[in-house]
């Protein structure tokens, strides 16, 4: 019950911040959206082991929530940098692109963690997750421009370090 209330408060806060300045329509819509999202994501920050002891303690859940806020800040920063880079490449007279696909090793093992990582890469302009090989621990990322000798995507490492603290 505490998890559900915390999720509801988190998602309602996010909604209200995104719809600022608030009014009654936004509040009612936000309550409905927060109820739906908190119901759908109720088990995201919980352990997946058997039995009731698998739930994280309140301290661990609070730490994961704090790391999620850190992740959101890092994700937004990476998106801003990628948008500037893509805009530069599009507006440059020579259009300096060199597309290609990279195989990137990931240490994430949980389905939710891998999904967050893959979606974060895809939502960052200039990169798209093409495939995930969970058994071998690889994600395949198509990049708008690859430098000579590049063997990874810097944003993946930044996302992965934080996602490990949240989901694993």
N, C-alpha and C. Protein backbone atom coordinates (compact mmCIF):
# COMPACT_ATOMS: atom_id res chain seq x y z
N UNK A 1 0.81 -1.20 0.00
CA UNK A 1 0.00 0.00 0.00
C UNK A 1 0.86 1.27 0.00
N UNK A 2 1.97 1.22 0.75
CA UNK A 2 2.86 2.39 0.79
C UNK A 2 3.47 2.62 -0.59
N UNK A 3 3.82 1.52 -1.28
CA UNK A 3 4.39 1.66 -2.62
C UNK A 3 3.38 2.32 -3.56
N UNK A 4 2.13 1.87 -3.51
CA UNK A 4 1.10 2.42 -4.39
C UNK A 4 0.89 3.90 -4.12
N UNK A 5 0.86 4.29 -2.85
CA UNK A 5 0.67 5.70 -2.51
C UNK A 5 1.88 6.53 -2.95
N UNK A 6 3.08 5.99 -2.78
CA UNK A 6 4.29 6.71 -3.20
C UNK A 6 4.32 6.87 -4.72
N UNK A 7 3.95 5.81 -5.45
CA UNK A 7 3.90 5.91 -6.90
C UNK A 7 2.88 6.94 -7.34
N UNK A 8 1.71 6.90 -6.71
CA UNK A 8 0.67 7.86 -7.07
C UNK A 8 1.16 9.29 -6.85
N UNK A 9 1.76 9.55 -5.70
CA UNK A 9 2.26 10.89 -5.39
C UNK A 9 3.35 11.31 -6.39
N UNK A 10 4.24 10.38 -6.72
CA UNK A 10 5.31 10.68 -7.67
C UNK A 10 4.73 11.05 -9.04
N UNK A 11 3.85 10.22 -9.57
CA UNK A 11 3.32 10.45 -10.91
C UNK A 11 2.41 11.67 -10.95
N UNK A 12 1.65 11.93 -9.87
CA UNK A 12 0.82 13.13 -9.83
C UNK A 12 1.70 14.38 -9.79
N UNK A 13 2.79 14.32 -9.06
CA UNK A 13 3.73 15.46 -9.01
C UNK A 13 4.33 15.72 -10.39
N UNK A 14 4.74 14.65 -11.06
CA UNK A 14 5.29 14.81 -12.42
C UNK A 14 4.25 15.44 -13.34
N UNK A 15 3.03 14.94 -13.26
CA UNK A 15 1.96 15.48 -14.11
C UNK A 15 1.74 16.97 -13.84
N UNK A 16 1.68 17.32 -12.57
CA UNK A 16 1.41 18.72 -12.23
C UNK A 16 2.57 19.63 -12.65
N UNK A 17 3.79 19.14 -12.55
CA UNK A 17 4.93 19.93 -13.01
C UNK A 17 4.89 20.13 -14.52
N UNK A 18 4.47 19.10 -15.24
CA UNK A 18 4.41 19.19 -16.70
C UNK A 18 3.25 20.06 -17.18
N UNK A 19 2.21 20.18 -16.38
CA UNK A 19 1.04 20.96 -16.81
C UNK A 19 0.94 22.29 -16.06
N UNK A 20 2.08 22.82 -15.64
CA UNK A 20 2.10 24.06 -14.88
C UNK A 20 1.68 25.24 -15.72
N UNK A 21 0.90 26.19 -15.33
CA UNK A 21 0.27 26.36 -14.03
C UNK A 21 -0.98 25.48 -13.92
N UNK A 22 -1.20 24.92 -12.76
CA UNK A 22 -2.31 23.97 -12.60
C UNK A 22 -3.67 24.65 -12.55
N UNK A 23 -4.66 23.91 -13.01
CA UNK A 23 -6.05 24.30 -12.80
C UNK A 23 -6.84 23.02 -12.51
N UNK A 24 -8.12 23.13 -12.30
CA UNK A 24 -8.91 21.98 -11.84
C UNK A 24 -8.95 20.87 -12.89
N UNK A 25 -9.03 21.23 -14.18
CA UNK A 25 -9.03 20.20 -15.23
C UNK A 25 -7.74 19.41 -15.22
N UNK A 26 -6.63 20.12 -15.09
CA UNK A 26 -5.33 19.45 -15.05
C UNK A 26 -5.21 18.55 -13.83
N UNK A 27 -5.72 19.02 -12.70
CA UNK A 27 -5.66 18.22 -11.47
C UNK A 27 -6.48 16.94 -11.62
N UNK A 28 -7.70 17.05 -12.15
CA UNK A 28 -8.53 15.86 -12.32
C UNK A 28 -7.93 14.88 -13.34
N UNK A 29 -7.43 15.42 -14.43
CA UNK A 29 -6.78 14.57 -15.43
C UNK A 29 -5.52 13.94 -14.84
N UNK A 30 -4.78 14.71 -14.07
CA UNK A 30 -3.57 14.21 -13.43
C UNK A 30 -3.86 13.10 -12.44
N UNK A 31 -4.93 13.24 -11.67
CA UNK A 31 -5.30 12.17 -10.73
C UNK A 31 -5.62 10.89 -11.49
N UNK A 32 -6.39 11.01 -12.57
CA UNK A 32 -6.73 9.82 -13.37
C UNK A 32 -5.47 9.20 -13.98
N UNK A 33 -4.61 10.03 -14.55
CA UNK A 33 -3.39 9.53 -15.18
C UNK A 33 -2.46 8.92 -14.13
N UNK A 34 -2.33 9.56 -12.98
CA UNK A 34 -1.44 9.05 -11.93
C UNK A 34 -1.95 7.73 -11.37
N UNK A 35 -3.27 7.60 -11.24
CA UNK A 35 -3.83 6.32 -10.79
C UNK A 35 -3.51 5.21 -11.78
N UNK A 36 -3.70 5.50 -13.07
CA UNK A 36 -3.43 4.51 -14.10
C UNK A 36 -1.95 4.13 -14.13
N UNK A 37 -1.08 5.13 -14.15
CA UNK A 37 0.36 4.85 -14.24
C UNK A 37 0.86 4.15 -12.99
N UNK A 38 0.39 4.58 -11.81
CA UNK A 38 0.85 3.93 -10.58
C UNK A 38 0.37 2.49 -10.52
N UNK A 39 -0.81 2.22 -11.05
CA UNK A 39 -1.30 0.83 -11.12
C UNK A 39 -0.44 0.01 -12.08
N UNK A 40 -0.11 0.59 -13.24
CA UNK A 40 0.65 -0.14 -14.25
C UNK A 40 2.12 -0.35 -13.85
N UNK A 41 2.69 0.56 -13.06
CA UNK A 41 4.10 0.46 -12.70
C UNK A 41 4.30 0.05 -11.25
N UNK A 42 3.29 -0.52 -10.64
CA UNK A 42 3.33 -0.86 -9.22
C UNK A 42 4.50 -1.76 -8.86
N UNK A 43 4.88 -2.69 -9.73
CA UNK A 43 5.95 -3.62 -9.41
C UNK A 43 7.31 -3.27 -9.96
N UNK A 44 7.47 -2.10 -10.56
CA UNK A 44 8.73 -1.76 -11.23
C UNK A 44 9.90 -1.68 -10.26
N UNK A 45 9.72 -1.02 -9.13
CA UNK A 45 10.83 -0.84 -8.21
C UNK A 45 10.85 -1.87 -7.09
N UNK A 46 10.28 -3.02 -7.33
CA UNK A 46 10.29 -4.10 -6.34
C UNK A 46 11.21 -5.20 -6.81
N UNK A 47 11.71 -5.97 -5.87
CA UNK A 47 12.47 -7.17 -6.23
C UNK A 47 11.52 -8.17 -6.85
N UNK A 48 12.05 -9.07 -7.65
CA UNK A 48 11.21 -10.04 -8.33
C UNK A 48 11.34 -11.44 -7.77
N UNK A 49 11.98 -11.59 -6.64
CA UNK A 49 12.16 -12.91 -6.02
C UNK A 49 10.85 -13.46 -5.49
N UNK A 50 10.82 -14.73 -5.06
CA UNK A 50 9.58 -15.34 -4.60
C UNK A 50 9.20 -14.85 -3.20
N UNK A 51 7.92 -14.82 -2.92
CA UNK A 51 7.42 -14.57 -1.57
C UNK A 51 7.40 -13.11 -1.18
N UNK A 52 6.77 -12.82 -0.04
CA UNK A 52 6.64 -11.43 0.40
C UNK A 52 7.97 -10.80 0.81
N UNK A 53 8.97 -11.59 1.13
CA UNK A 53 10.26 -11.02 1.52
C UNK A 53 11.00 -10.42 0.33
N UNK A 54 10.47 -10.62 -0.86
CA UNK A 54 11.12 -10.10 -2.06
C UNK A 54 10.94 -8.60 -2.20
N UNK A 55 10.01 -8.00 -1.49
CA UNK A 55 9.83 -6.55 -1.59
C UNK A 55 11.02 -5.84 -1.00
N UNK A 56 11.36 -4.73 -1.63
CA UNK A 56 12.46 -3.94 -1.12
C UNK A 56 12.03 -3.22 0.15
N UNK A 57 12.96 -2.94 0.97
CA UNK A 57 12.66 -2.16 2.16
C UNK A 57 12.32 -0.74 1.74
N UNK A 58 11.72 0.00 2.65
CA UNK A 58 11.37 1.39 2.36
C UNK A 58 12.63 2.20 2.04
N UNK A 59 13.72 1.91 2.74
CA UNK A 59 14.98 2.63 2.50
C UNK A 59 15.50 2.36 1.09
N UNK A 60 15.45 1.10 0.66
CA UNK A 60 15.93 0.76 -0.68
C UNK A 60 15.04 1.39 -1.74
N UNK A 61 13.72 1.41 -1.50
CA UNK A 61 12.80 2.03 -2.46
C UNK A 61 13.05 3.53 -2.55
N UNK A 62 13.32 4.17 -1.41
CA UNK A 62 13.62 5.60 -1.41
C UNK A 62 14.92 5.88 -2.16
N UNK A 63 15.93 5.01 -1.96
CA UNK A 63 17.20 5.17 -2.67
C UNK A 63 17.00 5.01 -4.17
N UNK A 64 16.20 4.01 -4.56
CA UNK A 64 15.93 3.79 -5.98
C UNK A 64 15.20 4.99 -6.57
N UNK A 65 14.28 5.57 -5.82
CA UNK A 65 13.55 6.74 -6.29
C UNK A 65 14.49 7.93 -6.48
N UNK A 66 15.42 8.11 -5.54
CA UNK A 66 16.40 9.19 -5.66
C UNK A 66 17.28 8.98 -6.88
N UNK A 67 17.71 7.74 -7.10
CA UNK A 67 18.53 7.44 -8.27
C UNK A 67 17.72 7.64 -9.55
N UNK A 68 16.41 7.41 -9.50
CA UNK A 68 15.58 7.62 -10.68
C UNK A 68 15.53 9.10 -11.03
N UNK A 69 15.49 9.97 -10.03
CA UNK A 69 15.54 11.41 -10.30
C UNK A 69 16.89 11.79 -10.90
N UNK A 70 17.96 11.19 -10.41
CA UNK A 70 19.29 11.41 -10.99
C UNK A 70 19.32 10.94 -12.45
N UNK A 71 18.72 9.78 -12.68
CA UNK A 71 18.64 9.24 -14.04
C UNK A 71 17.89 10.20 -14.97
N UNK A 72 16.77 10.75 -14.47
CA UNK A 72 15.99 11.68 -15.28
C UNK A 72 16.82 12.90 -15.66
N UNK A 73 17.60 13.42 -14.73
CA UNK A 73 18.45 14.57 -15.01
C UNK A 73 19.53 14.22 -16.05
N UNK A 74 20.17 13.07 -15.90
CA UNK A 74 21.19 12.64 -16.85
C UNK A 74 20.57 12.41 -18.23
N UNK A 75 19.40 11.79 -18.25
CA UNK A 75 18.72 11.53 -19.52
C UNK A 75 18.38 12.85 -20.23
N UNK A 76 17.84 13.82 -19.49
CA UNK A 76 17.51 15.11 -20.10
C UNK A 76 18.76 15.80 -20.63
N UNK A 77 19.86 15.74 -19.87
CA UNK A 77 21.12 16.35 -20.32
C UNK A 77 21.61 15.68 -21.60
N UNK A 78 21.57 14.36 -21.64
CA UNK A 78 22.01 13.64 -22.84
C UNK A 78 21.11 13.97 -24.04
N UNK A 79 19.83 14.14 -23.80
CA UNK A 79 18.91 14.51 -24.89
C UNK A 79 19.22 15.89 -25.43
N UNK A 80 19.50 16.83 -24.54
CA UNK A 80 19.83 18.19 -24.98
C UNK A 80 21.11 18.17 -25.82
N UNK A 81 22.14 17.47 -25.33
CA UNK A 81 23.39 17.38 -26.09
C UNK A 81 23.16 16.72 -27.45
N UNK A 82 22.39 15.64 -27.47
CA UNK A 82 22.14 14.92 -28.72
C UNK A 82 21.33 15.77 -29.69
N UNK A 83 20.37 16.53 -29.19
CA UNK A 83 19.59 17.41 -30.06
C UNK A 83 20.47 18.46 -30.71
N UNK A 84 21.37 19.03 -29.94
CA UNK A 84 22.30 20.03 -30.50
C UNK A 84 23.19 19.40 -31.56
N UNK A 85 23.69 18.19 -31.28
CA UNK A 85 24.55 17.49 -32.23
C UNK A 85 23.81 17.17 -33.53
N UNK A 86 22.59 16.66 -33.40
CA UNK A 86 21.81 16.32 -34.60
C UNK A 86 21.47 17.59 -35.38
N UNK A 87 21.09 18.67 -34.69
CA UNK A 87 20.79 19.93 -35.38
C UNK A 87 22.01 20.44 -36.13
N UNK A 88 23.19 20.34 -35.50
CA UNK A 88 24.42 20.75 -36.17
C UNK A 88 24.64 19.94 -37.44
N UNK A 89 24.46 18.62 -37.34
CA UNK A 89 24.70 17.77 -38.50
C UNK A 89 23.70 18.04 -39.63
N UNK A 90 22.47 18.33 -39.28
CA UNK A 90 21.44 18.59 -40.29
C UNK A 90 21.68 19.94 -40.96
N UNK A 91 22.07 20.94 -40.17
CA UNK A 91 22.24 22.29 -40.71
C UNK A 91 23.60 22.51 -41.36
N UNK A 92 24.55 21.62 -41.10
CA UNK A 92 25.89 21.77 -41.69
C UNK A 92 25.80 21.58 -43.20
N UNK A 93 26.51 22.40 -43.97
CA UNK A 93 26.43 22.28 -45.44
C UNK A 93 26.87 20.91 -45.98
N UNK A 94 27.81 20.27 -45.31
CA UNK A 94 28.30 18.97 -45.80
C UNK A 94 27.57 17.79 -45.19
N UNK A 95 26.65 18.02 -44.28
CA UNK A 95 25.92 16.98 -43.55
C UNK A 95 26.88 15.87 -43.12
N UNK A 96 27.68 16.13 -42.08
CA UNK A 96 28.71 15.17 -41.66
C UNK A 96 28.13 13.99 -40.88
N UNK A 97 27.60 13.03 -41.62
CA UNK A 97 27.09 11.83 -40.97
C UNK A 97 27.87 10.62 -41.47
N UNK A 98 27.94 9.64 -40.65
CA UNK A 98 28.58 8.37 -40.99
C UNK A 98 27.82 7.29 -40.24
N UNK A 99 26.64 6.90 -40.73
CA UNK A 99 25.78 5.99 -39.99
C UNK A 99 26.36 4.59 -39.88
N UNK A 100 25.96 3.91 -38.81
CA UNK A 100 26.40 2.55 -38.60
C UNK A 100 25.77 1.97 -37.34
N UNK A 101 25.95 0.68 -37.18
CA UNK A 101 25.41 -0.02 -36.02
C UNK A 101 26.54 -0.53 -35.15
N UNK A 102 26.42 -0.28 -33.84
CA UNK A 102 27.43 -0.72 -32.88
C UNK A 102 26.84 -1.78 -31.97
N UNK A 103 27.67 -2.74 -31.58
CA UNK A 103 27.29 -3.73 -30.57
C UNK A 103 27.85 -3.25 -29.25
N UNK A 104 26.97 -3.01 -28.28
CA UNK A 104 27.37 -2.43 -27.00
C UNK A 104 27.10 -3.44 -25.90
N UNK A 105 28.11 -3.74 -25.11
CA UNK A 105 27.98 -4.67 -23.99
C UNK A 105 27.25 -3.98 -22.84
N UNK A 106 26.31 -4.69 -22.22
CA UNK A 106 25.61 -4.16 -21.05
C UNK A 106 25.68 -5.16 -19.91
N UNK A 107 25.79 -4.64 -18.71
CA UNK A 107 25.82 -5.48 -17.52
C UNK A 107 24.45 -5.63 -16.89
N UNK A 108 23.45 -4.98 -17.45
CA UNK A 108 22.10 -5.09 -16.91
C UNK A 108 21.53 -6.48 -17.19
N UNK A 109 20.81 -7.02 -16.22
CA UNK A 109 20.24 -8.36 -16.38
C UNK A 109 18.72 -8.38 -16.28
N UNK A 110 18.14 -7.40 -15.58
CA UNK A 110 16.69 -7.41 -15.41
C UNK A 110 16.01 -6.91 -16.68
N UNK A 111 14.85 -7.46 -16.95
CA UNK A 111 14.09 -7.05 -18.13
C UNK A 111 13.75 -5.56 -18.09
N UNK A 112 13.36 -5.08 -16.93
CA UNK A 112 12.98 -3.67 -16.80
C UNK A 112 14.20 -2.78 -17.03
N UNK A 113 15.35 -3.14 -16.47
CA UNK A 113 16.57 -2.35 -16.66
C UNK A 113 16.99 -2.29 -18.11
N UNK A 114 16.98 -3.44 -18.78
CA UNK A 114 17.36 -3.49 -20.20
C UNK A 114 16.38 -2.69 -21.04
N UNK A 115 15.09 -2.79 -20.71
CA UNK A 115 14.08 -2.04 -21.46
C UNK A 115 14.28 -0.54 -21.28
N UNK A 116 14.54 -0.11 -20.04
CA UNK A 116 14.81 1.31 -19.81
C UNK A 116 16.03 1.76 -20.60
N UNK A 117 17.08 0.97 -20.59
CA UNK A 117 18.29 1.33 -21.31
C UNK A 117 18.02 1.44 -22.81
N UNK A 118 17.37 0.43 -23.37
CA UNK A 118 17.08 0.43 -24.81
C UNK A 118 16.18 1.60 -25.19
N UNK A 119 15.17 1.88 -24.39
CA UNK A 119 14.29 3.01 -24.70
C UNK A 119 14.99 4.34 -24.53
N UNK A 120 15.86 4.45 -23.54
CA UNK A 120 16.61 5.69 -23.34
C UNK A 120 17.51 5.98 -24.53
N UNK A 121 18.16 4.96 -25.04
CA UNK A 121 19.02 5.13 -26.21
C UNK A 121 18.18 5.54 -27.41
N UNK A 122 17.03 4.92 -27.59
CA UNK A 122 16.17 5.23 -28.73
C UNK A 122 15.59 6.64 -28.62
N UNK A 123 15.27 7.09 -27.41
CA UNK A 123 14.71 8.42 -27.23
C UNK A 123 15.76 9.53 -27.33
N UNK A 124 17.03 9.18 -27.30
CA UNK A 124 18.10 10.16 -27.47
C UNK A 124 18.32 10.35 -28.96
N UNK A 125 18.15 11.57 -29.47
CA UNK A 125 18.27 11.79 -30.91
C UNK A 125 19.63 11.35 -31.47
N UNK A 126 19.58 10.75 -32.65
CA UNK A 126 20.80 10.30 -33.31
C UNK A 126 21.12 8.84 -33.07
N UNK A 127 20.41 8.19 -32.15
CA UNK A 127 20.66 6.78 -31.86
C UNK A 127 19.32 6.03 -31.78
N UNK A 128 19.36 4.77 -32.16
CA UNK A 128 18.18 3.91 -32.10
C UNK A 128 18.62 2.51 -31.70
N UNK A 129 17.96 1.93 -30.72
CA UNK A 129 18.24 0.55 -30.37
C UNK A 129 17.58 -0.34 -31.42
N UNK A 130 18.38 -1.17 -32.05
CA UNK A 130 17.89 -2.02 -33.12
C UNK A 130 17.52 -3.40 -32.59
N UNK A 131 18.34 -3.93 -31.66
CA UNK A 131 18.10 -5.28 -31.15
C UNK A 131 18.71 -5.40 -29.76
N UNK A 132 18.19 -6.35 -28.99
CA UNK A 132 18.71 -6.64 -27.66
C UNK A 132 18.99 -8.13 -27.60
N UNK A 133 20.19 -8.51 -27.20
CA UNK A 133 20.56 -9.90 -26.99
C UNK A 133 20.79 -10.08 -25.49
N UNK A 134 19.73 -10.42 -24.77
CA UNK A 134 19.80 -10.50 -23.31
C UNK A 134 20.72 -11.62 -22.86
N UNK A 135 20.72 -12.74 -23.56
CA UNK A 135 21.55 -13.89 -23.15
C UNK A 135 23.04 -13.54 -23.17
N UNK A 136 23.47 -12.84 -24.19
CA UNK A 136 24.89 -12.47 -24.31
C UNK A 136 25.21 -11.11 -23.69
N UNK A 137 24.17 -10.34 -23.35
CA UNK A 137 24.37 -9.05 -22.71
C UNK A 137 24.76 -7.94 -23.68
N UNK A 138 24.18 -7.93 -24.87
CA UNK A 138 24.48 -6.89 -25.85
C UNK A 138 23.21 -6.18 -26.27
N UNK A 139 23.36 -4.88 -26.57
CA UNK A 139 22.33 -4.17 -27.31
C UNK A 139 22.98 -3.65 -28.58
N UNK A 140 22.23 -3.63 -29.64
CA UNK A 140 22.72 -3.16 -30.92
C UNK A 140 22.11 -1.79 -31.18
N UNK A 141 22.98 -0.80 -31.37
CA UNK A 141 22.54 0.59 -31.47
C UNK A 141 22.95 1.15 -32.83
N UNK A 142 21.98 1.68 -33.57
CA UNK A 142 22.27 2.37 -34.81
C UNK A 142 22.51 3.83 -34.48
N UNK A 143 23.65 4.34 -34.97
CA UNK A 143 24.04 5.73 -34.68
C UNK A 143 24.07 6.54 -35.97
N UNK A 144 23.73 7.80 -35.83
CA UNK A 144 23.74 8.70 -36.98
C UNK A 144 25.16 8.95 -37.47
N UNK A 145 26.10 8.98 -36.55
CA UNK A 145 27.49 9.22 -36.92
C UNK A 145 28.41 8.46 -35.98
N UNK A 146 29.27 7.65 -36.57
CA UNK A 146 30.24 6.85 -35.80
C UNK A 146 31.63 7.35 -36.13
N UNK A 147 32.42 7.57 -35.09
CA UNK A 147 33.81 7.98 -35.29
C UNK A 147 34.67 6.76 -35.57
N UNK A 148 35.79 7.00 -36.22
CA UNK A 148 36.74 5.92 -36.53
C UNK A 148 37.19 5.24 -35.24
N UNK A 149 37.05 3.92 -35.18
CA UNK A 149 37.49 3.16 -34.02
C UNK A 149 36.53 3.19 -32.84
N UNK A 150 35.37 3.80 -32.99
CA UNK A 150 34.40 3.88 -31.90
C UNK A 150 33.84 2.50 -31.61
N UNK A 151 33.82 2.10 -30.34
CA UNK A 151 33.31 0.77 -30.00
C UNK A 151 32.15 0.83 -29.01
N UNK A 152 31.65 2.00 -28.71
CA UNK A 152 30.53 2.12 -27.78
C UNK A 152 29.83 3.46 -27.93
N UNK A 153 28.73 3.58 -27.23
CA UNK A 153 27.97 4.81 -27.22
C UNK A 153 28.10 5.39 -25.81
N UNK A 154 28.71 6.58 -25.67
CA UNK A 154 28.97 7.12 -24.33
C UNK A 154 27.73 7.22 -23.45
N UNK A 155 26.59 7.58 -24.03
CA UNK A 155 25.37 7.74 -23.23
C UNK A 155 24.94 6.41 -22.61
N UNK A 156 25.21 5.30 -23.28
CA UNK A 156 24.81 3.99 -22.77
C UNK A 156 25.48 3.73 -21.43
N UNK A 157 26.76 4.01 -21.32
CA UNK A 157 27.48 3.81 -20.07
C UNK A 157 26.94 4.68 -18.95
N UNK A 158 26.61 5.92 -19.27
CA UNK A 158 26.06 6.83 -18.26
C UNK A 158 24.70 6.33 -17.77
N UNK A 159 23.85 5.93 -18.72
CA UNK A 159 22.52 5.42 -18.36
C UNK A 159 22.65 4.13 -17.54
N UNK A 160 23.53 3.26 -18.00
CA UNK A 160 23.65 1.93 -17.39
C UNK A 160 24.09 2.00 -15.93
N UNK A 161 25.05 2.86 -15.62
CA UNK A 161 25.53 2.97 -14.23
C UNK A 161 24.39 3.33 -13.27
N UNK A 162 23.52 4.22 -13.69
CA UNK A 162 22.42 4.64 -12.83
C UNK A 162 21.32 3.58 -12.82
N UNK A 163 21.03 3.00 -13.96
CA UNK A 163 19.97 1.99 -14.03
C UNK A 163 20.31 0.76 -13.20
N UNK A 164 21.58 0.41 -13.07
CA UNK A 164 21.97 -0.70 -12.20
C UNK A 164 21.58 -0.42 -10.76
N UNK A 165 21.76 0.81 -10.33
CA UNK A 165 21.41 1.17 -8.95
C UNK A 165 19.90 1.17 -8.73
N UNK A 166 19.14 1.39 -9.78
CA UNK A 166 17.68 1.43 -9.64
C UNK A 166 17.08 0.04 -9.69
N UNK A 167 17.47 -0.75 -10.69
CA UNK A 167 16.76 -1.99 -10.98
C UNK A 167 17.48 -3.27 -10.56
N UNK A 168 18.74 -3.17 -10.16
CA UNK A 168 19.44 -4.41 -9.84
C UNK A 168 20.11 -4.37 -8.49
